[in-house]
Amino acid sequence: MRVTTDLWVSALVRRVFGAGGFAAVIKRGATEAGAVFVLSRGRLGEVTFYGPAPQTSYDSAKPDERFFAVLGTSDDSSAFDARLEREKKFDPDIWVVEIEGGTVPVEELLSVKAD
C-alpha cells in the first residue's frame, strides 16, 4: 500500500521546517493520490523545478518512495508557472509545494533521479 499524497506532502513540509527552511503548499490536489511538483527557491533567487520522475524510475522493492526529476532551473519562475498551469489543465489533482531550503539540501528531502 502506498502512502497517501496528503501524508507525504505533510511529512515533506515538516522536514523542511525542521531543517530551518520554509515550505508552503501552493495547490492541494487529491488526498489519496496526485502528482507532486516542487519549486525550490535558493537564497539568491534561483528556482529549481522538480516533477515526478518517469515510471521507469520506480523501484518495486520501495513502493512508498516517490522519485523526482529536475524539470528546469532558472532565475525567473514565470516559465515554471506557465508549465504548472498546463499541468493543472491536464490533471487537476496535482499538488504544488514551494520550499526554501534550510540546512538540508533539497536532494536529501526529495529522492531525485539523475537523467
Protein backbone atom coordinates (compact mmCIF):
# COMPACT_ATOMS: atom_id res chain seq x y z
CA MET A 1 0.00 0.00 0.00
CA ARG A 2 1.33 3.42 -0.94
CA VAL A 3 1.44 6.40 1.43
CA THR A 4 -1.21 8.98 0.54
CA THR A 5 -0.06 12.15 -1.17
CA ASP A 6 -1.54 14.25 1.63
CA LEU A 7 0.57 12.44 4.24
CA TRP A 8 3.70 12.54 2.07
CA VAL A 9 3.40 16.30 1.45
CA SER A 10 2.78 16.93 5.16
CA ALA A 11 5.95 14.99 6.01
CA LEU A 12 7.94 16.97 3.41
CA VAL A 13 6.73 20.28 4.86
CA ARG A 14 7.69 19.17 8.39
CA ARG A 15 11.15 18.06 7.24
CA VAL A 16 11.77 21.41 5.54
CA PHE A 17 10.69 23.37 8.62
CA GLY A 18 12.78 21.03 10.79
CA ALA A 19 15.82 21.90 8.68
CA GLY A 20 15.27 25.62 9.23
CA GLY A 21 13.68 26.23 5.86
CA PHE A 22 10.24 27.34 4.72
CA ALA A 23 7.58 25.36 2.86
CA ALA A 24 4.11 26.15 1.57
CA VAL A 25 1.53 24.07 -0.23
CA ILE A 26 0.59 26.25 -3.20
CA LYS A 27 -2.00 23.84 -4.58
CA ARG A 28 -3.64 20.91 -2.85
CA GLY A 29 -4.57 18.03 -5.08
CA ALA A 30 -6.32 14.75 -4.45
CA THR A 31 -5.79 13.47 -0.90
CA GLU A 32 -5.19 9.86 -1.86
CA ALA A 33 -3.12 10.38 -4.98
CA GLY A 34 -1.87 13.07 -7.26
CA ALA A 35 1.37 14.09 -8.86
CA VAL A 36 3.58 16.34 -6.74
CA PHE A 37 5.57 19.23 -8.21
CA VAL A 38 8.11 21.12 -6.12
CA LEU A 39 9.55 24.60 -6.66
CA SER A 40 12.73 25.06 -4.67
CA ARG A 41 13.90 28.63 -4.20
CA GLY A 42 17.52 29.27 -3.32
CA ARG A 43 18.80 32.09 -1.12
CA LEU A 44 19.98 34.04 -4.17
CA GLY A 45 16.71 33.78 -6.10
CA GLU A 46 17.41 30.77 -8.29
CA VAL A 47 14.48 28.38 -8.74
CA THR A 48 14.67 24.66 -9.41
CA PHE A 49 11.55 22.89 -10.62
CA TYR A 50 11.04 19.22 -9.72
CA GLY A 51 8.35 16.91 -11.02
CA PRO A 52 7.52 13.22 -10.85
CA ALA A 53 10.19 11.02 -12.37
CA PRO A 54 9.19 8.68 -15.21
CA GLN A 55 7.54 5.44 -14.13
CA THR A 56 10.66 3.51 -15.15
CA SER A 57 12.44 5.11 -12.16
CA TYR A 58 10.24 3.38 -9.58
CA ASP A 59 11.62 0.50 -7.57
CA SER A 60 9.12 -2.23 -6.68
CA ALA A 61 11.22 -3.01 -3.58
CA LYS A 62 10.45 0.52 -2.29
CA PRO A 63 6.78 1.11 -3.14
CA ASP A 64 6.46 4.08 -0.73
CA GLU A 65 9.32 6.02 -2.32
CA ARG A 66 8.45 8.94 -4.59
CA PHE A 67 11.08 9.83 -7.14
CA PHE A 68 11.55 13.25 -8.73
CA ALA A 69 13.35 14.62 -11.75
CA VAL A 70 14.70 18.12 -12.26
CA LEU A 71 12.47 19.75 -14.86
CA GLY A 72 14.37 23.02 -15.02
CA THR A 73 16.42 25.67 -13.26
CA SER A 74 16.15 29.42 -13.73
CA ASP A 75 16.30 32.81 -12.05
CA ASP A 76 12.81 33.53 -13.40
CA SER A 77 9.99 31.23 -12.33
CA SER A 78 7.44 32.52 -14.88
CA ALA A 79 8.17 29.63 -17.27
CA PHE A 80 7.59 27.18 -14.42
CA ASP A 81 4.33 28.94 -13.52
CA ALA A 82 3.16 28.52 -17.12
CA ARG A 83 4.14 24.84 -17.08
CA LEU A 84 2.20 24.32 -13.85
CA GLU A 85 -0.88 25.94 -15.37
CA ARG A 86 -0.68 23.47 -18.28
CA GLU A 87 -0.24 20.59 -15.83
CA LYS A 88 -3.32 21.74 -13.84
CA LYS A 89 -5.41 21.74 -17.02
CA PHE A 90 -4.22 18.22 -17.86
CA ASP A 91 -4.55 16.89 -14.28
CA PRO A 92 -6.48 18.99 -11.75
CA ASP A 93 -5.36 16.65 -8.92
CA ILE A 94 -1.72 17.80 -8.87
CA TRP A 95 0.00 19.16 -5.77
CA VAL A 96 2.40 22.11 -5.88
CA VAL A 97 4.78 22.69 -2.98
CA GLU A 98 7.22 25.58 -2.76
CA ILE A 99 10.24 25.25 -0.50
CA GLU A 100 13.18 27.34 0.55
CA GLY A 101 15.82 25.00 1.84
CA GLY A 102 17.33 25.37 5.24
CA THR A 103 20.39 23.44 6.35
CA VAL A 104 19.43 20.28 4.42
CA PRO A 105 19.93 20.19 0.61
CA VAL A 106 16.81 19.54 -1.46
CA GLU A 107 18.35 16.31 -2.73
CA GLU A 108 18.11 14.96 0.83
CA LEU A 109 14.46 15.96 1.12
CA LEU A 110 13.41 14.55 -2.26
CA SER A 111 14.58 11.38 -3.98
CA VAL A 112 15.95 12.97 -7.15
CA LYS A 113 16.81 10.71 -10.08
CA ALA A 114 19.62 11.85 -12.38
CA ASP A 115 18.95 11.95 -16.12
